Amino acid sequence: MRHKVAGKRLSRSKGQRAALRRTMMKQLFDNERIETTRAKAEHVRGPAEKLITLAKRGNSAEGAVAVHARRLAAARLGDRELVAKLFEEIAPRYENRPGGYTRMVKMGPRQGDAAEMVVLELVEE
C-alpha cells in the first residue's frame, strides 16, 4: 500500500524522473506548449508554475535577491538562454496573475496504447 506517499513514479528511477521533468520544462518554456500524456503533464505542471512564480518574484526584487532567483532557476533548468527567456518574456506576461499559468487540454487516447493525451500550454494573458 502507498498510503501518504507523495508523487508519481512514472515507471522511472529518481534520476530518470528528474531528467524527464527538466527536459519537459525546457520544452514547455521554449515552445510554450507540449503534447504529452496526462500523468507526465501533471508531473511537470507544478514545478513549471513554481519557476514562473520564482521569475516573477525575481523580477520585482533588487540586488542579491534577483540574482539568487536567476541562479535557482538556472539550477533547475540548466540553460542560461532559457532562464533569460523565462525572466524577460514569460514572467512579465503574468505580472498581475496570482497563479494558474498553465492549462491542460484533453486530446483523447493515444492510438498505440490508449494513454490519455493532453496539451500542456502556457496561458495567454
N, C-alpha and C. Protein backbone atom coordinates (compact mmCIF):
# COMPACT_ATOMS: atom_id res chain seq x y z
N MET A 1 0.83 -1.19 0.00
CA MET A 1 0.00 0.00 0.00
C MET A 1 0.87 1.25 0.00
N ARG A 2 0.40 2.28 -0.71
CA ARG A 2 1.18 3.51 -0.84
C ARG A 2 0.52 4.65 -0.05
N HIS A 3 0.06 4.39 1.13
CA HIS A 3 -0.60 5.43 1.90
C HIS A 3 0.36 6.58 2.19
N LYS A 4 -0.10 7.78 1.93
CA LYS A 4 0.63 9.02 2.22
C LYS A 4 2.01 9.11 1.55
N VAL A 5 2.16 8.46 0.38
CA VAL A 5 3.40 8.56 -0.39
C VAL A 5 3.14 9.56 -1.50
N ALA A 6 3.84 10.68 -1.46
CA ALA A 6 3.59 11.76 -2.41
C ALA A 6 4.28 11.50 -3.73
N GLY A 7 3.70 12.01 -4.80
CA GLY A 7 4.32 11.96 -6.12
C GLY A 7 4.04 10.66 -6.86
N LYS A 8 4.33 10.69 -8.15
CA LYS A 8 4.15 9.52 -9.00
C LYS A 8 5.49 9.06 -9.50
N ARG A 9 5.65 7.76 -9.67
CA ARG A 9 6.94 7.21 -10.08
C ARG A 9 7.13 7.22 -11.59
N LEU A 10 6.05 7.13 -12.34
CA LEU A 10 6.09 7.12 -13.80
C LEU A 10 6.97 5.99 -14.35
N SER A 11 7.08 4.90 -13.62
CA SER A 11 7.89 3.73 -14.02
C SER A 11 9.33 4.11 -14.32
N ARG A 12 9.89 5.04 -13.56
CA ARG A 12 11.26 5.50 -13.76
C ARG A 12 11.98 5.61 -12.42
N SER A 13 13.31 5.60 -12.49
CA SER A 13 14.10 5.82 -11.28
C SER A 13 14.10 7.32 -10.95
N LYS A 14 14.67 7.66 -9.83
CA LYS A 14 14.68 9.05 -9.39
C LYS A 14 15.41 9.95 -10.38
N GLY A 15 16.55 9.50 -10.86
CA GLY A 15 17.31 10.29 -11.82
C GLY A 15 16.59 10.47 -13.15
N GLN A 16 15.93 9.42 -13.58
CA GLN A 16 15.17 9.49 -14.83
C GLN A 16 13.99 10.43 -14.70
N ARG A 17 13.32 10.42 -13.53
CA ARG A 17 12.20 11.34 -13.30
C ARG A 17 12.68 12.79 -13.30
N ALA A 18 13.83 13.04 -12.68
CA ALA A 18 14.38 14.41 -12.64
C ALA A 18 14.75 14.87 -14.04
N ALA A 19 15.34 13.98 -14.83
CA ALA A 19 15.72 14.33 -16.20
C ALA A 19 14.48 14.59 -17.05
N LEU A 20 13.44 13.76 -16.87
CA LEU A 20 12.20 13.95 -17.61
C LEU A 20 11.56 15.29 -17.26
N ARG A 21 11.53 15.61 -15.95
CA ARG A 21 10.94 16.87 -15.50
C ARG A 21 11.70 18.05 -16.09
N ARG A 22 13.03 18.01 -16.04
CA ARG A 22 13.84 19.12 -16.55
C ARG A 22 13.65 19.28 -18.06
N THR A 23 13.67 18.19 -18.78
CA THR A 23 13.52 18.25 -20.23
C THR A 23 12.15 18.77 -20.64
N MET A 24 11.11 18.31 -19.96
CA MET A 24 9.76 18.74 -20.32
C MET A 24 9.53 20.21 -19.95
N MET A 25 10.12 20.67 -18.84
CA MET A 25 10.01 22.09 -18.50
C MET A 25 10.73 22.94 -19.53
N LYS A 26 11.91 22.49 -19.99
CA LYS A 26 12.63 23.22 -21.03
C LYS A 26 11.78 23.32 -22.29
N GLN A 27 11.19 22.23 -22.70
CA GLN A 27 10.36 22.23 -23.90
C GLN A 27 9.13 23.12 -23.73
N LEU A 28 8.53 23.10 -22.55
CA LEU A 28 7.36 23.93 -22.29
C LEU A 28 7.71 25.41 -22.38
N PHE A 29 8.80 25.82 -21.76
CA PHE A 29 9.17 27.23 -21.79
C PHE A 29 9.68 27.65 -23.16
N ASP A 30 10.29 26.74 -23.88
CA ASP A 30 10.82 27.06 -25.20
C ASP A 30 9.71 27.17 -26.24
N ASN A 31 8.79 26.19 -26.27
CA ASN A 31 7.73 26.15 -27.29
C ASN A 31 6.41 26.71 -26.80
N GLU A 32 6.27 26.89 -25.49
CA GLU A 32 5.08 27.40 -24.82
C GLU A 32 3.88 26.46 -24.91
N ARG A 33 4.07 25.25 -25.45
CA ARG A 33 3.05 24.20 -25.42
C ARG A 33 3.70 22.87 -25.78
N ILE A 34 3.28 21.81 -25.09
CA ILE A 34 3.78 20.48 -25.38
C ILE A 34 2.62 19.49 -25.37
N GLU A 35 2.74 18.45 -26.15
CA GLU A 35 1.75 17.39 -26.21
C GLU A 35 2.35 16.17 -25.52
N THR A 36 1.70 15.69 -24.48
CA THR A 36 2.24 14.59 -23.69
C THR A 36 1.10 13.82 -23.02
N THR A 37 1.45 12.82 -22.24
CA THR A 37 0.42 12.08 -21.51
C THR A 37 -0.02 12.89 -20.28
N ARG A 38 -1.20 12.56 -19.79
CA ARG A 38 -1.75 13.30 -18.66
C ARG A 38 -0.87 13.16 -17.41
N ALA A 39 -0.34 11.97 -17.16
CA ALA A 39 0.48 11.73 -15.97
C ALA A 39 1.76 12.57 -16.02
N LYS A 40 2.41 12.62 -17.17
CA LYS A 40 3.63 13.41 -17.30
C LYS A 40 3.32 14.90 -17.19
N ALA A 41 2.20 15.34 -17.76
CA ALA A 41 1.83 16.75 -17.69
C ALA A 41 1.58 17.17 -16.24
N GLU A 42 0.91 16.30 -15.47
CA GLU A 42 0.66 16.61 -14.06
C GLU A 42 1.97 16.63 -13.28
N HIS A 43 2.91 15.81 -13.69
CA HIS A 43 4.23 15.74 -13.03
C HIS A 43 5.03 17.01 -13.27
N VAL A 44 4.85 17.64 -14.42
CA VAL A 44 5.65 18.81 -14.82
C VAL A 44 4.96 20.12 -14.45
N ARG A 45 3.66 20.10 -14.38
CA ARG A 45 2.89 21.33 -14.21
C ARG A 45 3.25 22.12 -12.94
N GLY A 46 3.33 21.45 -11.81
CA GLY A 46 3.63 22.13 -10.54
C GLY A 46 4.99 22.81 -10.53
N PRO A 47 6.08 22.07 -10.84
CA PRO A 47 7.39 22.72 -10.85
C PRO A 47 7.51 23.84 -11.88
N ALA A 48 6.82 23.71 -13.01
CA ALA A 48 6.87 24.77 -14.03
C ALA A 48 6.20 26.04 -13.52
N GLU A 49 5.07 25.89 -12.85
CA GLU A 49 4.38 27.06 -12.30
C GLU A 49 5.20 27.69 -11.17
N LYS A 50 5.89 26.87 -10.39
CA LYS A 50 6.74 27.41 -9.34
C LYS A 50 7.90 28.21 -9.92
N LEU A 51 8.44 27.75 -11.05
CA LEU A 51 9.53 28.50 -11.69
C LEU A 51 9.04 29.84 -12.22
N ILE A 52 7.83 29.88 -12.76
CA ILE A 52 7.28 31.16 -13.24
C ILE A 52 7.08 32.11 -12.07
N THR A 53 6.58 31.60 -10.95
CA THR A 53 6.41 32.43 -9.75
C THR A 53 7.77 32.93 -9.25
N LEU A 54 8.77 32.07 -9.27
CA LEU A 54 10.13 32.46 -8.88
C LEU A 54 10.64 33.59 -9.78
N ALA A 55 10.39 33.48 -11.07
CA ALA A 55 10.82 34.51 -12.01
C ALA A 55 10.08 35.82 -11.77
N LYS A 56 8.78 35.74 -11.46
CA LYS A 56 8.03 36.95 -11.15
C LYS A 56 8.60 37.67 -9.93
N ARG A 57 8.89 36.90 -8.88
CA ARG A 57 9.45 37.50 -7.67
C ARG A 57 10.86 38.02 -7.91
N GLY A 58 11.63 37.33 -8.72
CA GLY A 58 12.98 37.78 -9.05
C GLY A 58 12.97 39.07 -9.84
N ASN A 59 11.98 39.24 -10.72
CA ASN A 59 11.89 40.48 -11.49
C ASN A 59 11.48 41.66 -10.63
N SER A 60 10.66 41.41 -9.62
CA SER A 60 10.22 42.52 -8.76
C SER A 60 11.24 42.85 -7.67
N ALA A 61 12.20 41.96 -7.44
CA ALA A 61 13.21 42.18 -6.40
C ALA A 61 14.41 42.93 -6.98
N GLU A 62 15.30 43.31 -6.09
CA GLU A 62 16.51 44.03 -6.49
C GLU A 62 17.73 43.35 -5.88
N GLY A 63 18.86 43.60 -6.50
CA GLY A 63 20.14 43.17 -5.94
C GLY A 63 20.31 41.68 -5.84
N ALA A 64 20.76 41.25 -4.65
CA ALA A 64 21.11 39.86 -4.43
C ALA A 64 19.92 38.92 -4.55
N VAL A 65 18.73 39.38 -4.21
CA VAL A 65 17.55 38.53 -4.29
C VAL A 65 17.24 38.20 -5.75
N ALA A 66 17.39 39.17 -6.64
CA ALA A 66 17.14 38.95 -8.06
C ALA A 66 18.17 37.97 -8.65
N VAL A 67 19.41 38.12 -8.25
CA VAL A 67 20.47 37.22 -8.73
C VAL A 67 20.22 35.81 -8.21
N HIS A 68 19.81 35.72 -6.95
CA HIS A 68 19.56 34.41 -6.35
C HIS A 68 18.41 33.69 -7.08
N ALA A 69 17.37 34.44 -7.45
CA ALA A 69 16.25 33.84 -8.16
C ALA A 69 16.70 33.29 -9.52
N ARG A 70 17.54 34.03 -10.22
CA ARG A 70 18.05 33.56 -11.52
C ARG A 70 18.93 32.32 -11.35
N ARG A 71 19.71 32.28 -10.29
CA ARG A 71 20.57 31.12 -10.06
C ARG A 71 19.75 29.88 -9.71
N LEU A 72 18.69 30.06 -8.93
CA LEU A 72 17.81 28.93 -8.62
C LEU A 72 17.15 28.40 -9.89
N ALA A 73 16.68 29.31 -10.74
CA ALA A 73 16.05 28.89 -12.00
C ALA A 73 17.06 28.18 -12.90
N ALA A 74 18.29 28.70 -12.94
CA ALA A 74 19.33 28.07 -13.77
C ALA A 74 19.67 26.68 -13.25
N ALA A 75 19.65 26.50 -11.93
CA ALA A 75 19.94 25.19 -11.36
C ALA A 75 18.85 24.18 -11.72
N ARG A 76 17.61 24.63 -11.83
CA ARG A 76 16.52 23.72 -12.14
C ARG A 76 16.37 23.47 -13.63
N LEU A 77 16.74 24.46 -14.46
CA LEU A 77 16.60 24.30 -15.91
C LEU A 77 17.90 23.90 -16.59
N GLY A 78 19.03 24.45 -16.14
CA GLY A 78 20.31 24.10 -16.73
C GLY A 78 20.59 24.76 -18.05
N ASP A 79 19.89 25.85 -18.39
CA ASP A 79 20.08 26.51 -19.67
C ASP A 79 19.97 28.02 -19.47
N ARG A 80 21.05 28.75 -19.69
CA ARG A 80 21.06 30.20 -19.44
C ARG A 80 20.12 30.96 -20.37
N GLU A 81 20.07 30.55 -21.64
CA GLU A 81 19.21 31.24 -22.60
C GLU A 81 17.74 31.08 -22.23
N LEU A 82 17.39 29.91 -21.76
CA LEU A 82 16.01 29.66 -21.36
C LEU A 82 15.65 30.41 -20.08
N VAL A 83 16.62 30.55 -19.17
CA VAL A 83 16.40 31.33 -17.96
C VAL A 83 16.15 32.79 -18.33
N ALA A 84 16.91 33.31 -19.29
CA ALA A 84 16.70 34.68 -19.75
C ALA A 84 15.31 34.85 -20.35
N LYS A 85 14.89 33.89 -21.15
CA LYS A 85 13.55 33.95 -21.74
C LYS A 85 12.48 33.90 -20.66
N LEU A 86 12.68 33.04 -19.66
CA LEU A 86 11.73 32.91 -18.56
C LEU A 86 11.57 34.23 -17.81
N PHE A 87 12.69 34.89 -17.52
CA PHE A 87 12.66 36.12 -16.73
C PHE A 87 12.25 37.34 -17.55
N GLU A 88 12.62 37.39 -18.83
CA GLU A 88 12.39 38.60 -19.63
C GLU A 88 11.13 38.56 -20.47
N GLU A 89 10.67 37.36 -20.86
CA GLU A 89 9.49 37.29 -21.71
C GLU A 89 8.28 36.66 -21.01
N ILE A 90 8.50 35.52 -20.36
CA ILE A 90 7.37 34.77 -19.82
C ILE A 90 6.85 35.37 -18.51
N ALA A 91 7.72 35.65 -17.55
CA ALA A 91 7.28 36.15 -16.24
C ALA A 91 6.57 37.50 -16.32
N PRO A 92 7.05 38.48 -17.12
CA PRO A 92 6.32 39.75 -17.19
C PRO A 92 4.90 39.61 -17.74
N ARG A 93 4.67 38.57 -18.52
CA ARG A 93 3.35 38.33 -19.09
C ARG A 93 2.32 38.03 -17.99
N TYR A 94 2.77 37.46 -16.88
CA TYR A 94 1.87 37.06 -15.79
C TYR A 94 2.04 37.94 -14.55
N GLU A 95 2.47 39.15 -14.74
CA GLU A 95 2.76 40.06 -13.62
C GLU A 95 1.55 40.25 -12.69
N ASN A 96 0.36 40.38 -13.25
CA ASN A 96 -0.84 40.64 -12.44
C ASN A 96 -1.68 39.40 -12.21
N ARG A 97 -1.17 38.24 -12.58
CA ARG A 97 -1.92 36.99 -12.42
C ARG A 97 -1.43 36.28 -11.15
N PRO A 98 -2.33 35.90 -10.24
CA PRO A 98 -1.90 35.29 -8.97
C PRO A 98 -1.46 33.84 -9.08
N GLY A 99 -1.71 33.19 -10.18
CA GLY A 99 -1.33 31.78 -10.34
C GLY A 99 -2.06 31.19 -11.52
N GLY A 100 -1.90 29.90 -11.74
CA GLY A 100 -2.58 29.24 -12.85
C GLY A 100 -2.02 29.66 -14.19
N TYR A 101 -0.74 29.46 -14.37
CA TYR A 101 -0.07 29.92 -15.59
C TYR A 101 -0.14 28.90 -16.71
N THR A 102 -0.56 27.66 -16.41
CA THR A 102 -0.62 26.62 -17.42
C THR A 102 -2.03 26.09 -17.56
N ARG A 103 -2.29 25.46 -18.71
CA ARG A 103 -3.60 24.89 -18.99
C ARG A 103 -3.38 23.51 -19.60
N MET A 104 -4.19 22.54 -19.18
CA MET A 104 -4.17 21.20 -19.76
C MET A 104 -5.45 21.00 -20.56
N VAL A 105 -5.30 20.70 -21.84
CA VAL A 105 -6.45 20.45 -22.71
C VAL A 105 -6.41 18.99 -23.12
N LYS A 106 -7.47 18.25 -22.85
CA LYS A 106 -7.51 16.83 -23.18
C LYS A 106 -7.64 16.65 -24.69
N MET A 107 -6.91 15.63 -25.21
CA MET A 107 -6.94 15.35 -26.64
C MET A 107 -7.55 14.00 -26.96
N GLY A 108 -7.76 13.15 -26.00
CA GLY A 108 -8.27 11.82 -26.24
C GLY A 108 -7.16 10.79 -26.13
N PRO A 109 -7.48 9.53 -26.33
CA PRO A 109 -6.49 8.47 -26.15
C PRO A 109 -5.49 8.39 -27.30
N ARG A 110 -4.28 7.95 -26.97
CA ARG A 110 -3.25 7.72 -27.97
C ARG A 110 -3.57 6.44 -28.73
N GLN A 111 -3.24 6.41 -30.02
CA GLN A 111 -3.58 5.27 -30.87
C GLN A 111 -2.96 3.96 -30.39
N GLY A 112 -1.69 3.98 -30.04
CA GLY A 112 -0.98 2.74 -29.75
C GLY A 112 -1.36 2.06 -28.45
N ASP A 113 -1.41 2.80 -27.36
CA ASP A 113 -1.63 2.18 -26.06
C ASP A 113 -2.80 2.78 -25.29
N ALA A 114 -3.56 3.66 -25.92
CA ALA A 114 -4.75 4.28 -25.33
C ALA A 114 -4.42 5.13 -24.10
N ALA A 115 -3.18 5.65 -24.03
CA ALA A 115 -2.83 6.56 -22.94
C ALA A 115 -3.55 7.89 -23.17
N GLU A 116 -4.04 8.50 -22.08
CA GLU A 116 -4.77 9.76 -22.20
C GLU A 116 -3.78 10.89 -22.52
N MET A 117 -3.96 11.53 -23.66
CA MET A 117 -3.06 12.58 -24.12
C MET A 117 -3.65 13.96 -23.82
N VAL A 118 -2.77 14.90 -23.50
CA VAL A 118 -3.18 16.29 -23.24
C VAL A 118 -2.18 17.23 -23.90
N VAL A 119 -2.61 18.47 -24.06
CA VAL A 119 -1.71 19.54 -24.46
C VAL A 119 -1.51 20.41 -23.23
N LEU A 120 -0.27 20.55 -22.80
CA LEU A 120 0.08 21.42 -21.68
C LEU A 120 0.61 22.70 -22.28
N GLU A 121 -0.04 23.83 -22.00
CA GLU A 121 0.38 25.09 -22.62
C GLU A 121 0.36 26.21 -21.60
N LEU A 122 1.15 27.22 -21.89
CA LEU A 122 1.13 28.43 -21.08
C LEU A 122 -0.08 29.26 -21.44
N VAL A 123 -0.78 29.77 -20.45
CA VAL A 123 -1.98 30.56 -20.67
C VAL A 123 -1.60 31.90 -21.28
N GLU A 124 -2.33 32.31 -22.30
CA GLU A 124 -2.10 33.63 -22.89
C GLU A 124 -2.78 34.68 -22.03
N GLU A 125 -2.09 35.77 -21.80
CA GLU A 125 -2.64 36.84 -20.94
C GLU A 125 -3.23 37.93 -21.80
